[in-house]
Amino acid sequence: MTIVDAFHSVKEDDKPLLARRYHNTDNCKIGQEIPDEERVEGNGDYTLCEDCAEA
């Protein structure tokens, strides 16, 4: 597990505010599923995803 710059999906805006998550590890399965063209740099003031938090 390596910490990377925070990122989130452009689709997070479609979710309720409390359900929006960002990622910051390279081995997060949810983060890995976000295509490069849908990634946004930064945490978006969202909550860190559970997988990244456990890493």
PDB file of N, CA and C in Angstrom:
ATOM      1  N   MET A   1       0.840  -1.176   0.000  1.00  0.00           N
ATOM      2  CA  MET A   1       0.000   0.000   0.000  1.00  0.00           C
ATOM      3  C   MET A   1       0.883   1.236   0.000  1.00  0.00           C
ATOM      4  N   THR A   2       0.594   2.119  -0.901  1.00  0.00           N
ATOM      5  CA  THR A   2       1.306   3.383  -0.999  1.00  0.00           C
ATOM      6  C   THR A   2       0.287   4.515  -0.962  1.00  0.00           C
ATOM      7  N   ILE A   3       0.586   5.528  -0.164  1.00  0.00           N
ATOM      8  CA  ILE A   3      -0.271   6.716  -0.140  1.00  0.00           C
ATOM      9  C   ILE A   3      -0.023   7.510  -1.418  1.00  0.00           C
ATOM     10  N   VAL A   4      -1.101   7.935  -2.054  1.00  0.00           N
ATOM     11  CA  VAL A   4      -1.020   8.723  -3.280  1.00  0.00           C
ATOM     12  C   VAL A   4      -1.793  10.023  -3.058  1.00  0.00           C
ATOM     13  N   ASP A   5      -1.671  10.940  -3.995  1.00  0.00           N
ATOM     14  CA  ASP A   5      -2.447  12.179  -3.922  1.00  0.00           C
ATOM     15  C   ASP A   5      -3.938  11.835  -3.928  1.00  0.00           C
ATOM     16  N   ALA A   6      -4.693  12.526  -3.115  1.00  0.00           N
ATOM     17  CA  ALA A   6      -6.125  12.263  -2.998  1.00  0.00           C
ATOM     18  C   ALA A   6      -6.824  12.470  -4.343  1.00  0.00           C
ATOM     19  N   PHE A   7      -7.837  11.629  -4.576  1.00  0.00           N
ATOM     20  CA  PHE A   7      -8.640  11.737  -5.794  1.00  0.00           C
ATOM     21  C   PHE A   7     -10.036  11.197  -5.515  1.00  0.00           C
ATOM     22  N   HIS A   8     -10.969  11.579  -6.372  1.00  0.00           N
ATOM     23  CA  HIS A   8     -12.329  11.069  -6.294  1.00  0.00           C
ATOM     24  C   HIS A   8     -12.911  11.017  -7.696  1.00  0.00           C
ATOM     25  N   SER A   9     -14.072  10.435  -7.809  1.00  0.00           N
ATOM     26  CA  SER A   9     -14.740  10.310  -9.098  1.00  0.00           C
ATOM     27  C   SER A   9     -15.618  11.526  -9.371  1.00  0.00           C
ATOM     28  N   VAL A  10     -15.727  11.895 -10.632  1.00  0.00           N
ATOM     29  CA  VAL A  10     -16.658  12.965 -10.994  1.00  0.00           C
ATOM     30  C   VAL A  10     -18.089  12.570 -10.642  1.00  0.00           C
ATOM     31  N   LYS A  11     -18.341  11.283 -10.532  1.00  0.00           N
ATOM     32  CA  LYS A  11     -19.683  10.788 -10.230  1.00  0.00           C
ATOM     33  C   LYS A  11     -20.057  10.933  -8.755  1.00  0.00           C
ATOM     34  N   GLU A  12     -19.119  11.311  -7.905  1.00  0.00           N
ATOM     35  CA  GLU A  12     -19.439  11.520  -6.491  1.00  0.00           C
ATOM     36  C   GLU A  12     -20.493  12.604  -6.334  1.00  0.00           C
ATOM     37  N   ASP A  13     -20.519  13.560  -7.237  1.00  0.00           N
ATOM     38  CA  ASP A  13     -21.509  14.647  -7.164  1.00  0.00           C
ATOM     39  C   ASP A  13     -22.940  14.140  -7.321  1.00  0.00           C
ATOM     40  N   ASP A  14     -23.090  12.942  -7.893  1.00  0.00           N
ATOM     41  CA  ASP A  14     -24.422  12.365  -8.074  1.00  0.00           C
ATOM     42  C   ASP A  14     -24.940  11.687  -6.807  1.00  0.00           C
ATOM     43  N   LYS A  15     -24.069  11.489  -5.826  1.00  0.00           N
ATOM     44  CA  LYS A  15     -24.439  10.799  -4.587  1.00  0.00           C
ATOM     45  C   LYS A  15     -24.874  11.811  -3.532  1.00  0.00           C
ATOM     46  N   PRO A  16     -25.622  11.333  -2.526  1.00  0.00           N
ATOM     47  CA  PRO A  16     -25.938  12.213  -1.388  1.00  0.00           C
ATOM     48  C   PRO A  16     -24.630  12.662  -0.728  1.00  0.00           C
ATOM     49  N   LEU A  17     -24.610  13.844  -0.186  1.00  0.00           N
ATOM     50  CA  LEU A  17     -23.393  14.429   0.372  1.00  0.00           C
ATOM     51  C   LEU A  17     -22.683  13.498   1.352  1.00  0.00           C
ATOM     52  N   LEU A  18     -23.412  12.871   2.238  1.00  0.00           N
ATOM     53  CA  LEU A  18     -22.788  12.019   3.247  1.00  0.00           C
ATOM     54  C   LEU A  18     -22.255  10.699   2.691  1.00  0.00           C
ATOM     55  N   ALA A  19     -22.603  10.366   1.458  1.00  0.00           N
ATOM     56  CA  ALA A  19     -22.133   9.122   0.843  1.00  0.00           C
ATOM     57  C   ALA A  19     -20.926   9.337  -0.066  1.00  0.00           C
ATOM     58  N   ARG A  20     -20.493  10.565  -0.239  1.00  0.00           N
ATOM     59  CA  ARG A  20     -19.385  10.874  -1.142  1.00  0.00           C
ATOM     60  C   ARG A  20     -18.053  10.528  -0.483  1.00  0.00           C
ATOM     61  N   ARG A  21     -17.162   9.869  -1.258  1.00  0.00           N
ATOM     62  CA  ARG A  21     -15.884   9.402  -0.730  1.00  0.00           C
ATOM     63  C   ARG A  21     -14.730   9.797  -1.650  1.00  0.00           C
ATOM     64  N   TYR A  22     -13.560   9.928  -1.046  1.00  0.00           N
ATOM     65  CA  TYR A  22     -12.335  10.108  -1.818  1.00  0.00           C
ATOM     66  C   TYR A  22     -11.373   8.998  -1.447  1.00  0.00           C
ATOM     67  N   HIS A  23     -10.310   8.883  -2.222  1.00  0.00           N
ATOM     68  CA  HIS A  23      -9.347   7.793  -2.069  1.00  0.00           C
ATOM     69  C   HIS A  23      -7.937   8.376  -2.006  1.00  0.00           C
ATOM     70  N   ASN A  24      -7.032   7.633  -1.330  1.00  0.00           N
ATOM     71  CA  ASN A  24      -5.647   8.111  -1.257  1.00  0.00           C
ATOM     72  C   ASN A  24      -4.623   6.982  -1.154  1.00  0.00           C
ATOM     73  N   THR A  25      -5.012   5.765  -1.553  1.00  0.00           N
ATOM     74  CA  THR A  25      -4.053   4.666  -1.595  1.00  0.00           C
ATOM     75  C   THR A  25      -4.085   4.011  -2.970  1.00  0.00           C
ATOM     76  N   ASP A  26      -2.948   3.440  -3.359  1.00  0.00           N
ATOM     77  CA  ASP A  26      -2.862   2.848  -4.688  1.00  0.00           C
ATOM     78  C   ASP A  26      -3.490   1.466  -4.787  1.00  0.00           C
ATOM     79  N   ASN A  27      -3.776   0.820  -3.663  1.00  0.00           N
ATOM     80  CA  ASN A  27      -4.345  -0.521  -3.734  1.00  0.00           C
ATOM     81  C   ASN A  27      -5.826  -0.579  -3.360  1.00  0.00           C
ATOM     82  N   CYS A  28      -6.487   0.548  -3.288  1.00  0.00           N
ATOM     83  CA  CYS A  28      -7.917   0.593  -2.989  1.00  0.00           C
ATOM     84  C   CYS A  28      -8.695   0.060  -4.189  1.00  0.00           C
ATOM     85  N   LYS A  29      -9.449  -1.026  -3.979  1.00  0.00           N
ATOM     86  CA  LYS A  29     -10.187  -1.638  -5.090  1.00  0.00           C
ATOM     87  C   LYS A  29     -11.226  -0.689  -5.687  1.00  0.00           C
ATOM     88  N   ILE A  30     -11.895   0.061  -4.835  1.00  0.00           N
ATOM     89  CA  ILE A  30     -12.906   1.009  -5.328  1.00  0.00           C
ATOM     90  C   ILE A  30     -12.234   2.107  -6.135  1.00  0.00           C
ATOM     91  N   GLY A  31     -11.137   2.650  -5.619  1.00  0.00           N
ATOM     92  CA  GLY A  31     -10.401   3.695  -6.329  1.00  0.00           C
ATOM     93  C   GLY A  31      -9.830   3.215  -7.649  1.00  0.00           C
ATOM     94  N   GLN A  32      -9.370   1.960  -7.680  1.00  0.00           N
ATOM     95  CA  GLN A  32      -8.804   1.405  -8.913  1.00  0.00           C
ATOM     96  C   GLN A  32      -9.849   1.272 -10.013  1.00  0.00           C
ATOM     97  N   GLU A  33     -11.117   1.169  -9.634  1.00  0.00           N
ATOM     98  CA  GLU A  33     -12.194   1.025 -10.623  1.00  0.00           C
ATOM     99  C   GLU A  33     -12.584   2.343 -11.283  1.00  0.00           C
ATOM    100  N   ILE A  34     -12.073   3.463 -10.783  1.00  0.00           N
ATOM    101  CA  ILE A  34     -12.404   4.764 -11.368  1.00  0.00           C
ATOM    102  C   ILE A  34     -11.517   4.989 -12.587  1.00  0.00           C
ATOM    103  N   PRO A  35     -12.104   5.077 -13.777  1.00  0.00           N
ATOM    104  CA  PRO A  35     -11.296   5.315 -14.981  1.00  0.00           C
ATOM    105  C   PRO A  35     -10.565   6.661 -14.894  1.00  0.00           C
ATOM    106  N   ASP A  36      -9.395   6.728 -15.499  1.00  0.00           N
ATOM    107  CA  ASP A  36      -8.584   7.948 -15.458  1.00  0.00           C
ATOM    108  C   ASP A  36      -9.379   9.179 -15.892  1.00  0.00           C
ATOM    109  N   GLU A  37     -10.220   9.036 -16.903  1.00  0.00           N
ATOM    110  CA  GLU A  37     -10.957  10.182 -17.423  1.00  0.00           C
ATOM    111  C   GLU A  37     -12.062  10.645 -16.463  1.00  0.00           C
ATOM    112  N   GLU A  38     -12.382   9.838 -15.436  1.00  0.00           N
ATOM    113  CA  GLU A  38     -13.395  10.220 -14.462  1.00  0.00           C
ATOM    114  C   GLU A  38     -12.792  10.636 -13.126  1.00  0.00           C
ATOM    115  N   ARG A  39     -11.451  10.647 -13.020  1.00  0.00           N
ATOM    116  CA  ARG A  39     -10.785  11.012 -11.768  1.00  0.00           C
ATOM    117  C   ARG A  39     -10.624  12.520 -11.647  1.00  0.00           C
ATOM    118  N   VAL A  40     -10.844  13.001 -10.436  1.00  0.00           N
ATOM    119  CA  VAL A  40     -10.663  14.410 -10.115  1.00  0.00           C
ATOM    120  C   VAL A  40      -9.650  14.466  -8.981  1.00  0.00           C
ATOM    121  N   GLU A  41      -8.658  15.340  -9.102  1.00  0.00           N
ATOM    122  CA  GLU A  41      -7.661  15.492  -8.052  1.00  0.00           C
ATOM    123  C   GLU A  41      -8.278  16.142  -6.831  1.00  0.00           C
ATOM    124  N   GLY A  42      -7.801  15.758  -5.659  1.00  0.00           N
ATOM    125  CA  GLY A  42      -8.249  16.354  -4.412  1.00  0.00           C
ATOM    126  C   GLY A  42      -9.270  15.502  -3.690  1.00  0.00           C
ATOM    127  N   ASN A  43      -9.579  15.911  -2.476  1.00  0.00           N
ATOM    128  CA  ASN A  43     -10.518  15.126  -1.665  1.00  0.00           C
ATOM    129  C   ASN A  43     -11.958  15.623  -1.766  1.00  0.00           C
ATOM    130  N   GLY A  44     -12.181  16.734  -2.420  1.00  0.00           N
ATOM    131  CA  GLY A  44     -13.537  17.252  -2.600  1.00  0.00           C
ATOM    132  C   GLY A  44     -14.256  17.555  -1.301  1.00  0.00           C
ATOM    133  N   ASP A  45     -13.522  17.619  -0.200  1.00  0.00           N
ATOM    134  CA  ASP A  45     -14.115  17.773   1.135  1.00  0.00           C
ATOM    135  C   ASP A  45     -15.040  16.609   1.472  1.00  0.00           C
ATOM    136  N   TYR A  46     -14.762  15.438   0.874  1.00  0.00           N
ATOM    137  CA  TYR A  46     -15.544  14.238   1.135  1.00  0.00           C
ATOM    138  C   TYR A  46     -14.867  13.417   2.226  1.00  0.00           C
ATOM    139  N   THR A  47     -15.501  12.344   2.626  1.00  0.00           N
ATOM    140  CA  THR A  47     -14.981  11.425   3.629  1.00  0.00           C
ATOM    141  C   THR A  47     -14.032  10.433   2.954  1.00  0.00           C
ATOM    142  N   LEU A  48     -12.947  10.087   3.645  1.00  0.00           N
ATOM    143  CA  LEU A  48     -12.020   9.083   3.141  1.00  0.00           C
ATOM    144  C   LEU A  48     -12.735   7.742   3.064  1.00  0.00           C
ATOM    145  N   CYS A  49     -12.537   7.022   1.968  1.00  0.00           N
ATOM    146  CA  CYS A  49     -13.215   5.736   1.797  1.00  0.00           C
ATOM    147  C   CYS A  49     -12.724   4.745   2.854  1.00  0.00           C
ATOM    148  N   GLU A  50     -13.562   3.788   3.179  1.00  0.00           N
ATOM    149  CA  GLU A  50     -13.278   2.832   4.242  1.00  0.00           C
ATOM    150  C   GLU A  50     -12.048   1.989   3.928  1.00  0.00           C
ATOM    151  N   ASP A  51     -11.872   1.575   2.674  1.00  0.00           N
ATOM    152  CA  ASP A  51     -10.710   0.758   2.299  1.00  0.00           C
ATOM    153  C   ASP A  51      -9.413   1.546   2.487  1.00  0.00           C
ATOM    154  N   CYS A  52      -9.410   2.798   2.078  1.00  0.00           N
ATOM    155  CA  CYS A  52      -8.211   3.627   2.235  1.00  0.00           C
ATOM    156  C   CYS A  52      -7.940   3.892   3.710  1.00  0.00           C
ATOM    157  N   ALA A  53      -8.977   4.082   4.496  1.00  0.00           N
ATOM    158  CA  ALA A  53      -8.808   4.365   5.921  1.00  0.00           C
ATOM    159  C   ALA A  53      -8.201   3.179   6.665  1.00  0.00           C
ATOM    160  N   GLU A  54      -8.500   1.965   6.212  1.00  0.00           N
ATOM    161  CA  GLU A  54      -7.967   0.770   6.849  1.00  0.00           C
ATOM    162  C   GLU A  54      -6.525   0.496   6.473  1.00  0.00           C
ATOM    163  N   ALA A  55      -6.074   1.074   5.385  1.00  0.00           N
ATOM    164  CA  ALA A  55      -4.721   0.796   4.887  1.00  0.00           C
ATOM    165  C   ALA A  55      -3.651   1.418   5.759  1.00  0.00           C
TER     166      ALA A  55
END
